[in-house]
Protein backbone atom coordinates (compact mmCIF):
# COMPACT_ATOMS: atom_id res chain seq x y z
CA MET A 1 38.51 4.28 -77.94
CA THR A 2 38.00 6.88 -80.72
CA ARG A 3 38.28 5.68 -83.84
CA ARG A 4 40.57 6.97 -86.96
CA LEU A 5 40.44 6.75 -90.57
CA LEU A 6 43.32 8.18 -93.09
CA ALA A 7 42.57 8.45 -96.47
CA VAL A 8 45.91 9.40 -99.11
CA LEU A 9 44.58 10.52 -102.45
CA ALA A 10 45.94 11.78 -105.50
CA HIS A 11 44.12 15.44 -106.19
CA PRO A 12 42.02 18.04 -105.00
CA ASP A 13 38.48 17.02 -105.31
CA ASP A 14 39.34 12.88 -104.79
CA GLU A 15 38.38 13.00 -101.74
CA SER A 16 34.91 14.57 -102.57
CA PHE A 17 34.07 13.35 -106.06
CA GLY A 18 35.29 9.60 -105.01
CA PRO A 19 34.51 8.36 -101.01
CA GLY A 20 33.29 12.10 -100.15
CA GLY A 21 30.28 9.98 -98.38
CA THR A 22 32.22 7.90 -96.07
CA PHE A 23 34.23 10.47 -94.73
CA ALA A 24 30.80 12.41 -94.34
CA ARG A 25 29.54 9.62 -92.55
CA TYR A 26 32.15 8.64 -90.44
CA ALA A 27 33.05 12.22 -89.11
CA ARG A 28 29.07 12.41 -88.28
CA GLU A 29 29.51 9.44 -86.49
CA GLY A 30 32.49 10.36 -83.56
CA VAL A 31 35.07 8.94 -86.20
CA ASP A 32 38.31 11.46 -86.43
CA VAL A 33 38.67 11.48 -90.52
CA HIS A 34 42.14 12.21 -91.87
CA ILE A 35 42.72 13.03 -95.46
CA ALA A 36 45.94 13.43 -97.13
CA ILE A 37 46.01 15.13 -100.39
CA ALA A 38 49.18 14.27 -102.19
CA THR A 39 49.31 16.94 -105.23
CA ASP A 40 48.59 20.48 -105.85
CA GLY A 41 46.15 19.86 -109.05
CA VAL A 42 48.25 22.25 -111.09
CA ALA A 43 47.69 19.78 -114.21
CA GLY A 44 44.15 19.45 -113.96
CA SER A 45 41.79 20.94 -116.48
CA ALA A 46 39.46 24.11 -115.42
CA VAL A 47 35.88 24.48 -116.39
CA PRO A 48 34.97 27.85 -118.02
CA GLY A 49 35.65 31.14 -115.52
CA PHE A 50 38.59 29.69 -114.10
CA GLU A 51 41.03 30.25 -116.80
CA GLY A 52 44.53 31.89 -115.38
CA SER A 53 47.89 30.70 -114.72
CA GLN A 54 48.89 27.63 -113.03
CA ALA A 55 49.53 29.19 -109.84
CA GLU A 56 46.31 31.00 -109.90
CA LEU A 57 44.79 27.54 -110.63
CA VAL A 58 46.55 25.99 -107.89
CA ALA A 59 45.62 28.75 -104.99
CA VAL A 60 42.01 28.20 -106.53
CA ARG A 61 42.11 24.44 -106.20
CA ALA A 62 43.99 25.09 -102.71
CA GLN A 63 40.93 26.87 -101.44
CA GLU A 64 38.46 24.39 -103.24
CA LEU A 65 40.04 21.64 -101.26
CA ALA A 66 39.89 23.26 -97.62
CA THR A 67 36.50 24.25 -97.76
CA ALA A 68 35.26 20.78 -99.01
CA VAL A 69 37.19 18.63 -96.43
CA SER A 70 35.96 21.08 -93.86
CA ILE A 71 32.52 20.59 -94.92
CA LEU A 72 32.98 16.66 -94.81
CA GLY A 73 34.30 17.24 -91.28
CA ALA A 74 37.41 15.37 -91.91
CA THR A 75 41.11 17.24 -91.05
CA LEU A 76 43.45 18.07 -94.18
CA HIS A 77 47.09 16.89 -94.99
CA THR A 78 48.63 18.38 -98.12
CA LEU A 79 51.60 16.64 -99.49
CA ASN A 80 52.34 19.07 -101.97
CA TYR A 81 53.51 17.54 -104.90
CA ARG A 82 53.33 18.36 -108.82
CA ASP A 83 50.22 17.11 -110.65
CA SER A 84 51.57 14.57 -113.11
CA GLY A 85 48.32 14.89 -115.68
CA TYR A 86 46.78 12.35 -117.33
CA VAL A 87 48.61 9.73 -119.37
CA ASN A 88 50.44 11.23 -121.88
CA ASP A 89 49.73 15.12 -120.80
CA PRO A 90 53.73 16.58 -121.33
CA ALA A 91 52.87 17.23 -117.15
CA ASN A 92 54.56 13.67 -117.53
CA ASP A 93 57.73 14.49 -117.98
CA HIS A 94 57.71 17.38 -115.46
CA PRO A 95 60.83 17.03 -113.42
CA ASP A 96 58.80 17.87 -110.04
CA ALA A 97 56.13 15.61 -111.25
CA PHE A 98 54.64 13.56 -108.20
CA ILE A 99 55.33 10.52 -110.44
CA ASN A 100 58.36 11.15 -111.32
CA GLY A 101 59.40 11.76 -106.93
CA ASP A 102 61.55 9.27 -104.95
CA MET A 103 59.28 6.52 -104.01
CA ALA A 104 61.45 6.02 -100.79
CA GLU A 105 61.16 9.84 -99.69
CA GLN A 106 56.94 9.98 -100.68
CA THR A 107 56.43 7.05 -98.91
CA SER A 108 58.33 8.00 -95.74
CA ARG A 109 55.99 10.90 -95.57
CA VAL A 110 53.26 9.01 -95.39
CA VAL A 111 54.71 6.46 -92.84
CA GLN A 112 55.03 9.75 -90.81
CA LEU A 113 51.65 10.35 -91.21
CA ILE A 114 50.35 7.35 -89.73
CA ARG A 115 52.34 7.27 -87.08
CA GLU A 116 51.47 10.60 -85.88
CA ILE A 117 47.98 9.66 -86.53
CA ARG A 118 47.04 6.09 -85.78
CA PRO A 119 44.63 5.45 -87.57
CA HIS A 120 42.49 2.23 -87.86
CA VAL A 121 41.78 2.07 -91.00
CA VAL A 122 43.72 3.49 -93.89
CA ILE A 123 42.18 3.82 -97.60
CA THR A 124 43.98 5.03 -101.09
CA HIS A 125 43.06 4.51 -104.89
CA ASP A 126 43.64 0.91 -106.14
CA GLU A 127 46.20 -0.38 -108.34
CA THR A 128 44.24 0.63 -111.59
CA GLY A 129 43.76 4.16 -109.78
CA GLY A 130 40.14 3.98 -110.88
CA TYR A 131 40.53 5.09 -114.27
CA TYR A 132 44.51 4.86 -114.79
CA HIS A 133 45.37 8.19 -113.81
CA PRO A 134 49.24 8.12 -113.66
CA ASP A 135 49.22 10.12 -110.19
CA HIS A 136 46.47 7.52 -108.72
CA ILE A 137 48.53 4.78 -109.36
CA HIS A 138 51.46 6.19 -107.83
CA CYS A 139 49.48 7.48 -104.82
CA HIS A 140 48.04 3.64 -104.17
CA LYS A 141 51.80 2.14 -104.67
CA ILE A 142 53.20 4.51 -101.80
CA THR A 143 50.40 4.17 -99.67
CA THR A 144 50.41 0.49 -99.59
CA ALA A 145 54.13 0.39 -99.19
CA ALA A 146 53.86 2.76 -96.34
CA PHE A 147 50.80 1.07 -94.53
CA TYR A 148 52.96 -2.10 -93.95
CA ALA A 149 56.10 0.27 -93.26
CA ALA A 150 54.40 2.25 -90.46
CA GLY A 151 54.42 -0.67 -87.75
CA ASP A 152 57.67 -1.84 -88.73
CA PRO A 153 60.76 -0.42 -86.18
CA ALA A 154 63.17 -1.73 -88.83
CA GLN A 155 61.71 0.84 -91.39
CA TYR A 156 62.10 3.97 -91.57
CA PRO A 157 63.84 4.24 -87.79
CA GLU A 158 64.04 8.09 -88.00
CA ILE A 159 60.76 8.80 -88.18
CA GLY A 160 58.93 9.25 -85.31
CA PRO A 161 56.10 8.64 -83.31
CA ALA A 162 56.62 4.94 -82.25
CA PRO A 163 55.66 2.55 -85.20
CA TRP A 164 52.15 2.12 -85.57
CA GLN A 165 50.38 -0.39 -87.64
CA PRO A 166 46.88 0.04 -88.90
CA GLN A 167 44.27 -2.61 -88.55
CA LYS A 168 42.78 -2.23 -91.93
CA LEU A 169 43.66 -1.68 -96.00
CA TYR A 170 40.74 -0.47 -98.46
CA TYR A 171 41.06 0.30 -102.21
CA THR A 172 38.32 2.97 -103.58
CA ALA A 173 36.93 0.65 -106.20
CA PHE A 174 33.63 0.35 -108.31
CA SER A 175 31.79 -2.75 -109.68
CA ASN A 176 31.56 -2.89 -113.43
CA ARG A 177 28.24 -3.89 -113.00
CA MET A 178 27.44 -0.12 -112.17
CA VAL A 179 30.19 1.28 -114.94
CA LYS A 180 27.62 -1.03 -117.28
CA PHE A 181 24.59 0.79 -115.99
CA TYR A 182 26.82 4.23 -116.68
CA ILE A 183 27.61 3.24 -120.07
CA MET A 184 23.71 2.59 -121.03
CA MET A 185 22.75 5.95 -119.65
CA ILE A 186 25.68 7.86 -121.86
CA ARG A 187 24.47 5.75 -124.69
CA LEU A 188 21.36 7.12 -124.07
CA ARG A 189 22.03 10.14 -124.41
CA ARG A 190 23.89 9.30 -127.85
CA GLN A 191 27.44 9.63 -126.31
CA ASP A 192 30.45 7.52 -126.55
CA PRO A 193 31.49 6.02 -123.34
CA THR A 194 34.88 5.39 -125.04
CA LYS A 195 35.67 9.12 -125.09
CA LEU A 196 34.83 10.71 -122.10
CA GLY A 197 36.02 13.62 -119.59
CA ARG A 198 37.01 17.17 -120.66
CA ASN A 199 39.74 15.80 -122.64
CA GLN A 200 37.57 12.53 -123.99
CA ASP A 201 40.55 10.48 -123.19
CA ILE A 202 38.72 8.46 -120.43
CA ASP A 203 37.23 4.98 -121.63
CA LEU A 204 34.78 3.66 -119.42
CA THR A 205 34.23 0.33 -121.09
CA LYS A 206 37.77 -0.48 -119.26
CA LEU A 207 36.48 0.71 -115.48
CA GLY A 208 35.61 -1.35 -113.13
CA VAL A 209 36.18 -4.50 -111.01
CA ASP A 210 34.57 -7.62 -110.77
CA PRO A 211 31.81 -7.94 -108.27
CA SER A 212 33.71 -10.70 -106.39
CA GLN A 213 36.48 -8.06 -105.32
CA ILE A 214 34.36 -5.95 -103.56
CA GLY A 215 34.93 -6.34 -100.15
CA ALA A 216 32.85 -3.14 -97.96
CA VAL A 217 29.80 -1.65 -99.00
CA ILE A 218 29.17 1.44 -97.20
CA ASP A 219 25.94 3.27 -97.16
CA TYR A 220 26.25 7.24 -96.83
CA ARG A 221 22.81 7.60 -98.52
CA PRO A 222 21.81 9.78 -95.34
CA TYR A 223 24.72 12.30 -95.62
CA TRP A 224 24.12 12.56 -99.48
CA ASP A 225 23.51 16.18 -99.18
CA VAL A 226 26.93 17.08 -97.35
CA ARG A 227 28.60 15.17 -100.40
CA ARG A 228 27.12 16.91 -102.54
CA ALA A 229 27.91 20.31 -101.15
CA ALA A 230 31.42 19.01 -100.95
CA SER A 231 31.51 18.29 -104.38
CA ALA A 232 29.89 21.52 -105.42
CA ALA A 233 32.81 23.30 -103.60
CA HIS A 234 35.45 21.84 -106.06
CA ALA A 235 34.00 24.49 -108.46
CA SER A 236 36.65 24.71 -110.97
CA GLN A 237 36.40 20.94 -111.87
CA GLY A 238 32.53 21.33 -112.68
CA GLY A 239 31.11 20.74 -108.51
CA GLY A 240 30.92 16.67 -109.45
CA GLY A 241 27.52 15.51 -110.77
CA GLY A 242 27.93 15.13 -114.48
CA PHE A 243 25.67 13.74 -116.65
CA SER A 244 23.76 12.50 -112.94
CA ARG A 245 23.29 16.05 -112.60
CA ARG A 246 19.65 14.77 -114.91
CA ILE A 247 18.56 12.48 -112.61
CA PRO A 248 16.20 12.60 -110.14
CA VAL A 249 17.79 12.71 -106.03
CA TRP A 250 15.61 9.95 -104.98
CA LEU A 251 16.95 7.65 -108.01
CA GLN A 252 20.71 9.47 -107.81
CA LYS A 253 20.24 8.01 -103.88
CA ARG A 254 19.20 4.74 -104.30
CA PHE A 255 21.77 3.90 -107.38
CA PHE A 256 25.07 5.66 -106.11
CA GLY A 257 24.48 6.47 -102.09
CA LYS A 258 26.91 3.93 -101.17
CA ASP A 259 30.52 3.50 -101.64
CA THR A 260 32.39 0.46 -102.25
CA TYR A 261 36.05 -0.48 -101.55
CA ILE A 262 38.36 -3.59 -102.14
CA ARG A 263 39.50 -5.02 -99.05
CA ALA A 264 43.21 -4.79 -99.44
CA PHE A 265 44.18 -6.07 -95.51
CA PRO A 266 43.12 -8.28 -93.86
CA PRO A 267 42.00 -10.57 -97.02
CA LEU A 268 38.14 -11.30 -96.99
CA GLU A 269 36.77 -14.39 -95.32
CA ASN A 270 33.85 -16.43 -96.87
CA GLY A 271 33.52 -13.60 -99.20
CA ARG A 272 31.81 -11.71 -96.36
CA LYS A 273 31.32 -7.92 -97.52
CA ASP A 274 32.03 -5.09 -94.64
CA LYS A 275 29.51 -2.89 -93.97
CA ASP A 276 31.26 -0.83 -91.58
CA LEU A 277 34.94 -0.32 -92.14
CA PHE A 278 35.77 -0.48 -88.43
CA THR A 279 34.30 -3.64 -87.93
């Protein structure tokens, strides 16, 4: 039996900067990996050298995404909603923004993907979106709703093929213990951990979940270079890495070579963490 995985994420680059190591590992272990990206990334801020019109940025990010997903070894699906921008961004108010769309229609798009792909495992953002990005939170809502609706013949009966209920649902998440490590490293560089990102609007001290919430730890260190190559494909967004570029690769692998998740369904038993999303 071919194992199948579907990840539904908000932006071009979320698949590589986020759980790209997981996708690289499973694709190379024979899993049929599918990645659906909800928005076009038009509200993302580009690094110097990629300034231009919104249409140009959308085209650049679409090509970067296609390249990155190919490197990871997955199949790409795009929902093509408009990027809503970060909290208090003027893009939040655009009538076509992802967060302003019809949730039933958006959920139906994910239901259709689930019924067509028939994944055993579904991955999306957690309820905080990792760092409270509106699009990440919205993606969490519609994907969670679709996970449960896809197997119910009474919901979205007009959408074929036949209903399909995935076996497991995971949310991307990271322990606040790891966040404390990042904060320490950032302060050693005399930077303010409450003002991160190109727009200095991310407060690292508010991020991360209690370690007890982590329900799966996926070791992708053998595929470190694959994830790094996929991240590098997103050149308009800096290519990933950030301050960690200054850390020796062997140390990066030791501390950052595992993806962590909340297991949303089925609930964890006895606090045991999964080392394989398909067990």
